[in-house]
Amino acid sequence: QVQLVETGGGLVQAGGSLRLSCTHSATFGLFAMGWFRKAPGKEREFVAAITWNGGNILYEDSVKGRFTISRDNAKNTVYLQMNSLKPEDTTVYYCTAKDSVVVDVRSHEYTYWGQGTQVTVSS
């Protein structure tokens, strides 16, 4: 069982930045990882995903140019750098991983999930 632990959430003013980190316990290396977010009463929403070697990266349209996903395989960690944050980015962010090298925007394609970290952007 792969464990994912997110850190880095918090409260920030609009226009500010946060960096989320997700450390995993997987012993295998070839898998894609991503970030989703979910607000109360809404469906889980894709944010970004990255292949094992960073060769393919996907972003949801509303975060393109503001968020950057990256990973450091030596540290078993994936990051989400969030800049120019907006109040509508406020929600819980989840780290996820799948048993495949292929990135995907569909949440049901991912096998492992973290517990989530709250991001709150004040106006």
N, C-alpha and C. Protein backbone atom coordinates (compact mmCIF):
# COMPACT_ATOMS: atom_id res chain seq x y z
N GLN A 1 0.84 -1.19 0.00
CA GLN A 1 0.00 0.00 0.00
C GLN A 1 0.88 1.25 0.00
N VAL A 2 0.64 2.13 -0.93
CA VAL A 2 1.42 3.36 -1.03
C VAL A 2 0.77 4.44 -0.17
N GLN A 3 1.57 5.08 0.63
CA GLN A 3 1.09 6.19 1.47
C GLN A 3 1.51 7.50 0.83
N LEU A 4 0.59 8.46 0.82
CA LEU A 4 0.88 9.80 0.32
C LEU A 4 0.59 10.80 1.43
N VAL A 5 1.52 11.70 1.69
CA VAL A 5 1.34 12.69 2.76
C VAL A 5 1.58 14.08 2.19
N GLU A 6 0.54 14.90 2.24
CA GLU A 6 0.63 16.28 1.73
C GLU A 6 0.97 17.24 2.86
N THR A 7 1.74 18.25 2.54
CA THR A 7 2.02 19.35 3.45
C THR A 7 2.04 20.63 2.64
N GLY A 8 1.97 21.76 3.34
CA GLY A 8 2.15 23.04 2.68
C GLY A 8 0.91 23.88 2.51
N GLY A 9 -0.25 23.35 2.87
CA GLY A 9 -1.45 24.16 2.76
C GLY A 9 -1.46 25.27 3.80
N GLY A 10 -2.43 26.16 3.69
CA GLY A 10 -2.54 27.24 4.66
C GLY A 10 -3.38 28.37 4.16
N LEU A 11 -3.24 29.51 4.82
CA LEU A 11 -4.01 30.71 4.51
C LEU A 11 -3.08 31.73 3.85
N VAL A 12 -3.53 32.29 2.76
CA VAL A 12 -2.73 33.28 2.05
C VAL A 12 -3.67 34.32 1.44
N GLN A 13 -3.17 35.52 1.25
CA GLN A 13 -3.96 36.56 0.62
C GLN A 13 -3.97 36.37 -0.89
N ALA A 14 -5.01 36.89 -1.52
CA ALA A 14 -5.10 36.83 -2.98
C ALA A 14 -3.85 37.45 -3.60
N GLY A 15 -3.34 36.78 -4.63
CA GLY A 15 -2.11 37.21 -5.26
C GLY A 15 -0.86 36.58 -4.68
N GLY A 16 -1.01 35.91 -3.55
CA GLY A 16 0.12 35.28 -2.89
C GLY A 16 0.43 33.91 -3.45
N SER A 17 1.38 33.24 -2.79
CA SER A 17 1.86 31.94 -3.26
C SER A 17 1.90 30.92 -2.12
N LEU A 18 1.75 29.67 -2.50
CA LEU A 18 1.95 28.54 -1.60
C LEU A 18 2.59 27.41 -2.39
N ARG A 19 3.35 26.58 -1.70
CA ARG A 19 3.89 25.38 -2.34
C ARG A 19 3.44 24.16 -1.56
N LEU A 20 2.72 23.30 -2.24
CA LEU A 20 2.29 22.04 -1.66
C LEU A 20 3.34 20.97 -1.96
N SER A 21 3.55 20.10 -0.99
CA SER A 21 4.46 18.97 -1.18
C SER A 21 3.72 17.68 -0.87
N CYS A 22 4.10 16.63 -1.57
CA CYS A 22 3.49 15.32 -1.34
C CYS A 22 4.61 14.28 -1.37
N THR A 23 4.81 13.62 -0.26
CA THR A 23 5.83 12.59 -0.17
C THR A 23 5.17 11.22 -0.18
N HIS A 24 5.69 10.31 -0.99
CA HIS A 24 5.08 8.99 -1.11
C HIS A 24 6.02 7.91 -0.60
N SER A 25 5.43 6.75 -0.33
CA SER A 25 6.20 5.64 0.24
C SER A 25 6.45 4.54 -0.78
N ALA A 26 6.16 4.79 -2.06
CA ALA A 26 6.29 3.74 -3.07
C ALA A 26 7.74 3.33 -3.26
N THR A 27 7.94 2.06 -3.49
CA THR A 27 9.28 1.53 -3.77
C THR A 27 9.51 1.36 -5.27
N PHE A 28 8.44 1.46 -6.04
CA PHE A 28 8.58 1.40 -7.49
C PHE A 28 8.61 2.83 -8.01
N GLY A 29 9.17 3.03 -9.17
CA GLY A 29 9.40 4.40 -9.62
C GLY A 29 8.58 4.87 -10.79
N LEU A 30 8.11 3.94 -11.62
CA LEU A 30 7.49 4.38 -12.86
C LEU A 30 5.99 4.56 -12.68
N PHE A 31 5.60 5.73 -12.25
CA PHE A 31 4.19 6.02 -12.10
C PHE A 31 3.96 7.52 -12.22
N ALA A 32 2.77 7.86 -12.62
CA ALA A 32 2.39 9.26 -12.72
C ALA A 32 1.80 9.73 -11.40
N MET A 33 1.96 11.01 -11.14
CA MET A 33 1.39 11.61 -9.94
C MET A 33 0.65 12.88 -10.31
N GLY A 34 -0.25 13.29 -9.44
CA GLY A 34 -1.04 14.47 -9.76
C GLY A 34 -1.64 15.13 -8.54
N TRP A 35 -2.32 16.22 -8.80
CA TRP A 35 -3.05 16.95 -7.78
C TRP A 35 -4.49 17.17 -8.26
N PHE A 36 -5.41 16.95 -7.35
CA PHE A 36 -6.81 17.26 -7.56
C PHE A 36 -7.25 18.17 -6.42
N ARG A 37 -8.41 18.78 -6.60
CA ARG A 37 -8.97 19.56 -5.51
C ARG A 37 -10.48 19.34 -5.48
N LYS A 38 -11.04 19.51 -4.28
CA LYS A 38 -12.47 19.25 -4.12
C LYS A 38 -13.05 20.21 -3.11
N ALA A 39 -14.04 20.97 -3.55
CA ALA A 39 -14.78 21.85 -2.67
C ALA A 39 -16.03 21.13 -2.18
N PRO A 40 -16.54 21.50 -1.00
CA PRO A 40 -17.74 20.86 -0.47
C PRO A 40 -18.90 20.93 -1.47
N GLY A 41 -19.54 19.81 -1.70
CA GLY A 41 -20.69 19.77 -2.59
C GLY A 41 -20.36 19.74 -4.06
N LYS A 42 -19.06 19.71 -4.37
CA LYS A 42 -18.66 19.70 -5.78
C LYS A 42 -17.88 18.43 -6.10
N GLU A 43 -17.76 18.15 -7.40
CA GLU A 43 -16.97 17.01 -7.84
C GLU A 43 -15.48 17.30 -7.67
N ARG A 44 -14.72 16.21 -7.53
CA ARG A 44 -13.29 16.36 -7.47
C ARG A 44 -12.79 16.89 -8.82
N GLU A 45 -11.90 17.87 -8.78
CA GLU A 45 -11.46 18.57 -9.98
C GLU A 45 -9.97 18.35 -10.21
N PHE A 46 -9.63 18.00 -11.44
CA PHE A 46 -8.24 17.84 -11.81
C PHE A 46 -7.51 19.18 -11.76
N VAL A 47 -6.28 19.18 -11.26
CA VAL A 47 -5.47 20.39 -11.22
C VAL A 47 -4.23 20.23 -12.11
N ALA A 48 -3.43 19.20 -11.85
CA ALA A 48 -2.20 19.01 -12.61
C ALA A 48 -1.71 17.58 -12.44
N ALA A 49 -0.92 17.10 -13.41
CA ALA A 49 -0.35 15.76 -13.31
C ALA A 49 0.98 15.74 -14.04
N ILE A 50 1.85 14.80 -13.62
CA ILE A 50 3.20 14.72 -14.17
C ILE A 50 3.61 13.27 -14.27
N THR A 51 4.31 12.92 -15.35
CA THR A 51 4.83 11.58 -15.50
C THR A 51 6.05 11.38 -14.62
N TRP A 52 6.54 10.14 -14.59
CA TRP A 52 7.66 9.80 -13.71
C TRP A 52 8.88 10.69 -13.96
N ASN A 53 9.16 10.94 -15.24
CA ASN A 53 10.38 11.69 -15.56
C ASN A 53 10.10 13.15 -15.91
N GLY A 54 8.86 13.58 -15.70
CA GLY A 54 8.53 14.96 -16.01
C GLY A 54 8.38 15.24 -17.49
N GLY A 55 8.37 14.20 -18.30
CA GLY A 55 8.32 14.39 -19.73
C GLY A 55 6.96 14.81 -20.24
N ASN A 56 5.92 14.57 -19.48
CA ASN A 56 4.58 14.98 -19.87
C ASN A 56 3.87 15.58 -18.66
N ILE A 57 3.38 16.77 -18.82
CA ILE A 57 2.70 17.49 -17.74
C ILE A 57 1.37 18.03 -18.26
N LEU A 58 0.34 17.88 -17.46
CA LEU A 58 -0.98 18.41 -17.80
C LEU A 58 -1.44 19.38 -16.73
N TYR A 59 -2.16 20.41 -17.15
CA TYR A 59 -2.74 21.38 -16.23
C TYR A 59 -4.21 21.62 -16.59
N GLU A 60 -4.99 21.85 -15.58
CA GLU A 60 -6.35 22.32 -15.79
C GLU A 60 -6.27 23.76 -16.28
N ASP A 61 -7.17 24.15 -17.17
CA ASP A 61 -7.05 25.46 -17.83
C ASP A 61 -6.97 26.63 -16.86
N SER A 62 -7.73 26.60 -15.78
CA SER A 62 -7.79 27.76 -14.89
C SER A 62 -6.51 27.97 -14.10
N VAL A 63 -5.62 26.98 -14.07
CA VAL A 63 -4.38 27.13 -13.30
C VAL A 63 -3.15 27.28 -14.19
N LYS A 64 -3.32 27.13 -15.50
CA LYS A 64 -2.19 27.27 -16.41
C LYS A 64 -1.57 28.66 -16.28
N GLY A 65 -0.24 28.70 -16.20
CA GLY A 65 0.46 29.96 -16.05
C GLY A 65 0.57 30.43 -14.61
N ARG A 66 -0.17 29.79 -13.70
CA ARG A 66 -0.11 30.18 -12.28
C ARG A 66 0.47 29.06 -11.42
N PHE A 67 0.14 27.82 -11.75
CA PHE A 67 0.59 26.66 -10.97
C PHE A 67 1.66 25.91 -11.75
N THR A 68 2.61 25.33 -11.01
CA THR A 68 3.64 24.50 -11.62
C THR A 68 3.79 23.21 -10.82
N ILE A 69 3.67 22.08 -11.51
CA ILE A 69 3.88 20.79 -10.86
C ILE A 69 5.28 20.30 -11.20
N SER A 70 5.94 19.70 -10.22
CA SER A 70 7.27 19.15 -10.44
C SER A 70 7.47 17.98 -9.48
N ARG A 71 8.52 17.22 -9.70
CA ARG A 71 8.78 16.11 -8.79
C ARG A 71 10.27 15.89 -8.64
N ASP A 72 10.66 15.40 -7.47
CA ASP A 72 12.03 15.05 -7.16
C ASP A 72 12.01 13.59 -6.75
N ASN A 73 12.34 12.70 -7.67
CA ASN A 73 12.25 11.27 -7.40
C ASN A 73 13.26 10.80 -6.35
N ALA A 74 14.35 11.52 -6.21
CA ALA A 74 15.33 11.18 -5.17
C ALA A 74 14.75 11.39 -3.78
N LYS A 75 13.79 12.31 -3.70
CA LYS A 75 13.15 12.62 -2.41
C LYS A 75 11.75 12.03 -2.30
N ASN A 76 11.34 11.27 -3.34
CA ASN A 76 9.99 10.68 -3.35
C ASN A 76 8.91 11.75 -3.16
N THR A 77 9.09 12.89 -3.78
CA THR A 77 8.21 14.02 -3.52
C THR A 77 7.75 14.68 -4.82
N VAL A 78 6.49 15.05 -4.84
CA VAL A 78 5.95 15.86 -5.93
C VAL A 78 5.49 17.19 -5.33
N TYR A 79 5.64 18.25 -6.09
CA TYR A 79 5.33 19.60 -5.62
C TYR A 79 4.26 20.25 -6.48
N LEU A 80 3.54 21.18 -5.88
CA LEU A 80 2.65 22.04 -6.63
C LEU A 80 2.91 23.46 -6.17
N GLN A 81 3.62 24.22 -7.00
CA GLN A 81 3.87 25.62 -6.73
C GLN A 81 2.69 26.42 -7.23
N MET A 82 2.05 27.15 -6.35
CA MET A 82 0.84 27.90 -6.70
C MET A 82 1.12 29.38 -6.52
N ASN A 83 1.11 30.11 -7.61
CA ASN A 83 1.33 31.55 -7.60
C ASN A 83 0.06 32.29 -8.03
N SER A 84 0.03 33.57 -7.77
CA SER A 84 -1.13 34.41 -8.15
C SER A 84 -2.44 33.76 -7.70
N LEU A 85 -2.48 33.34 -6.47
CA LEU A 85 -3.65 32.63 -5.97
C LEU A 85 -4.87 33.53 -5.93
N LYS A 86 -6.01 32.91 -6.18
CA LYS A 86 -7.29 33.61 -6.21
C LYS A 86 -8.22 33.00 -5.16
N PRO A 87 -9.19 33.76 -4.68
CA PRO A 87 -10.15 33.19 -3.71
C PRO A 87 -10.82 31.92 -4.21
N GLU A 88 -11.04 31.83 -5.51
CA GLU A 88 -11.69 30.63 -6.05
C GLU A 88 -10.79 29.39 -6.03
N ASP A 89 -9.52 29.56 -5.68
CA ASP A 89 -8.62 28.40 -5.51
C ASP A 89 -8.79 27.77 -4.13
N THR A 90 -9.59 28.40 -3.29
CA THR A 90 -9.81 27.90 -1.93
C THR A 90 -10.53 26.57 -1.95
N THR A 91 -9.90 25.55 -1.39
CA THR A 91 -10.50 24.24 -1.25
C THR A 91 -9.46 23.28 -0.68
N VAL A 92 -9.82 22.01 -0.59
CA VAL A 92 -8.88 20.98 -0.15
C VAL A 92 -8.18 20.39 -1.38
N TYR A 93 -6.87 20.29 -1.31
CA TYR A 93 -6.05 19.76 -2.40
C TYR A 93 -5.55 18.37 -2.03
N TYR A 94 -5.66 17.45 -2.99
CA TYR A 94 -5.28 16.06 -2.76
C TYR A 94 -4.17 15.65 -3.72
N CYS A 95 -3.19 14.98 -3.18
CA CYS A 95 -2.13 14.37 -3.97
C CYS A 95 -2.57 12.97 -4.36
N THR A 96 -2.17 12.53 -5.55
CA THR A 96 -2.59 11.22 -6.00
C THR A 96 -1.52 10.59 -6.87
N ALA A 97 -1.55 9.26 -6.98
CA ALA A 97 -0.60 8.52 -7.81
C ALA A 97 -1.31 7.34 -8.45
N LYS A 98 -0.80 6.93 -9.59
CA LYS A 98 -1.42 5.81 -10.30
C LYS A 98 -0.36 4.80 -10.72
N ASP A 99 -0.79 3.55 -10.88
CA ASP A 99 0.13 2.46 -11.22
C ASP A 99 0.38 2.43 -12.72
N SER A 100 0.76 3.56 -13.27
CA SER A 100 1.00 3.67 -14.70
C SER A 100 1.83 4.91 -14.94
N VAL A 101 2.56 4.90 -16.03
CA VAL A 101 3.38 6.07 -16.36
C VAL A 101 2.56 7.15 -17.06
N VAL A 102 1.32 6.85 -17.45
CA VAL A 102 0.53 7.76 -18.27
C VAL A 102 -0.25 8.72 -17.39
N VAL A 103 -0.13 10.01 -17.65
CA VAL A 103 -0.91 10.99 -16.90
C VAL A 103 -2.35 10.96 -17.37
N ASP A 104 -3.26 11.41 -16.50
CA ASP A 104 -4.69 11.37 -16.81
C ASP A 104 -5.38 12.46 -16.03
N VAL A 105 -6.47 13.00 -16.57
CA VAL A 105 -7.22 14.03 -15.88
C VAL A 105 -8.40 13.44 -15.11
N ARG A 106 -8.63 12.14 -15.24
CA ARG A 106 -9.79 11.50 -14.60
C ARG A 106 -9.39 10.92 -13.25
N SER A 107 -10.11 11.30 -12.23
CA SER A 107 -9.74 10.90 -10.88
C SER A 107 -9.84 9.39 -10.68
N HIS A 108 -10.76 8.72 -11.37
CA HIS A 108 -10.93 7.28 -11.15
C HIS A 108 -9.75 6.47 -11.71
N GLU A 109 -8.89 7.11 -12.50
CA GLU A 109 -7.69 6.43 -13.01
C GLU A 109 -6.58 6.35 -11.98
N TYR A 110 -6.71 7.08 -10.89
CA TYR A 110 -5.67 7.12 -9.88
C TYR A 110 -6.00 6.17 -8.74
N THR A 111 -4.96 5.51 -8.24
CA THR A 111 -5.14 4.46 -7.25
C THR A 111 -4.93 4.93 -5.82
N TYR A 112 -3.93 5.77 -5.62
CA TYR A 112 -3.53 6.15 -4.27
C TYR A 112 -3.82 7.63 -4.05
N TRP A 113 -4.29 7.95 -2.82
CA TRP A 113 -4.67 9.32 -2.49
C TRP A 113 -4.14 9.70 -1.13
N GLY A 114 -3.76 10.97 -1.01
CA GLY A 114 -3.39 11.51 0.28
C GLY A 114 -4.63 11.94 1.05
N GLN A 115 -4.40 12.46 2.25
CA GLN A 115 -5.51 12.84 3.12
C GLN A 115 -6.05 14.24 2.80
N GLY A 116 -5.31 14.99 2.02
CA GLY A 116 -5.74 16.33 1.64
C GLY A 116 -5.15 17.41 2.52
N THR A 117 -4.97 18.58 1.93
CA THR A 117 -4.48 19.73 2.67
C THR A 117 -5.30 20.95 2.26
N GLN A 118 -5.69 21.74 3.25
CA GLN A 118 -6.57 22.88 3.00
C GLN A 118 -5.77 24.09 2.51
N VAL A 119 -6.26 24.68 1.44
CA VAL A 119 -5.73 25.95 0.94
C VAL A 119 -6.85 26.98 1.00
N THR A 120 -6.57 28.09 1.67
CA THR A 120 -7.56 29.16 1.80
C THR A 120 -6.93 30.46 1.32
N VAL A 121 -7.60 31.09 0.35
CA VAL A 121 -7.12 32.34 -0.23
C VAL A 121 -8.12 33.43 0.13
N SER A 122 -7.67 34.40 0.87
CA SER A 122 -8.55 35.48 1.30
C SER A 122 -8.50 36.64 0.29
N SER A 123 -9.62 37.31 0.14
CA SER A 123 -9.70 38.42 -0.83
C SER A 123 -9.33 39.74 -0.19
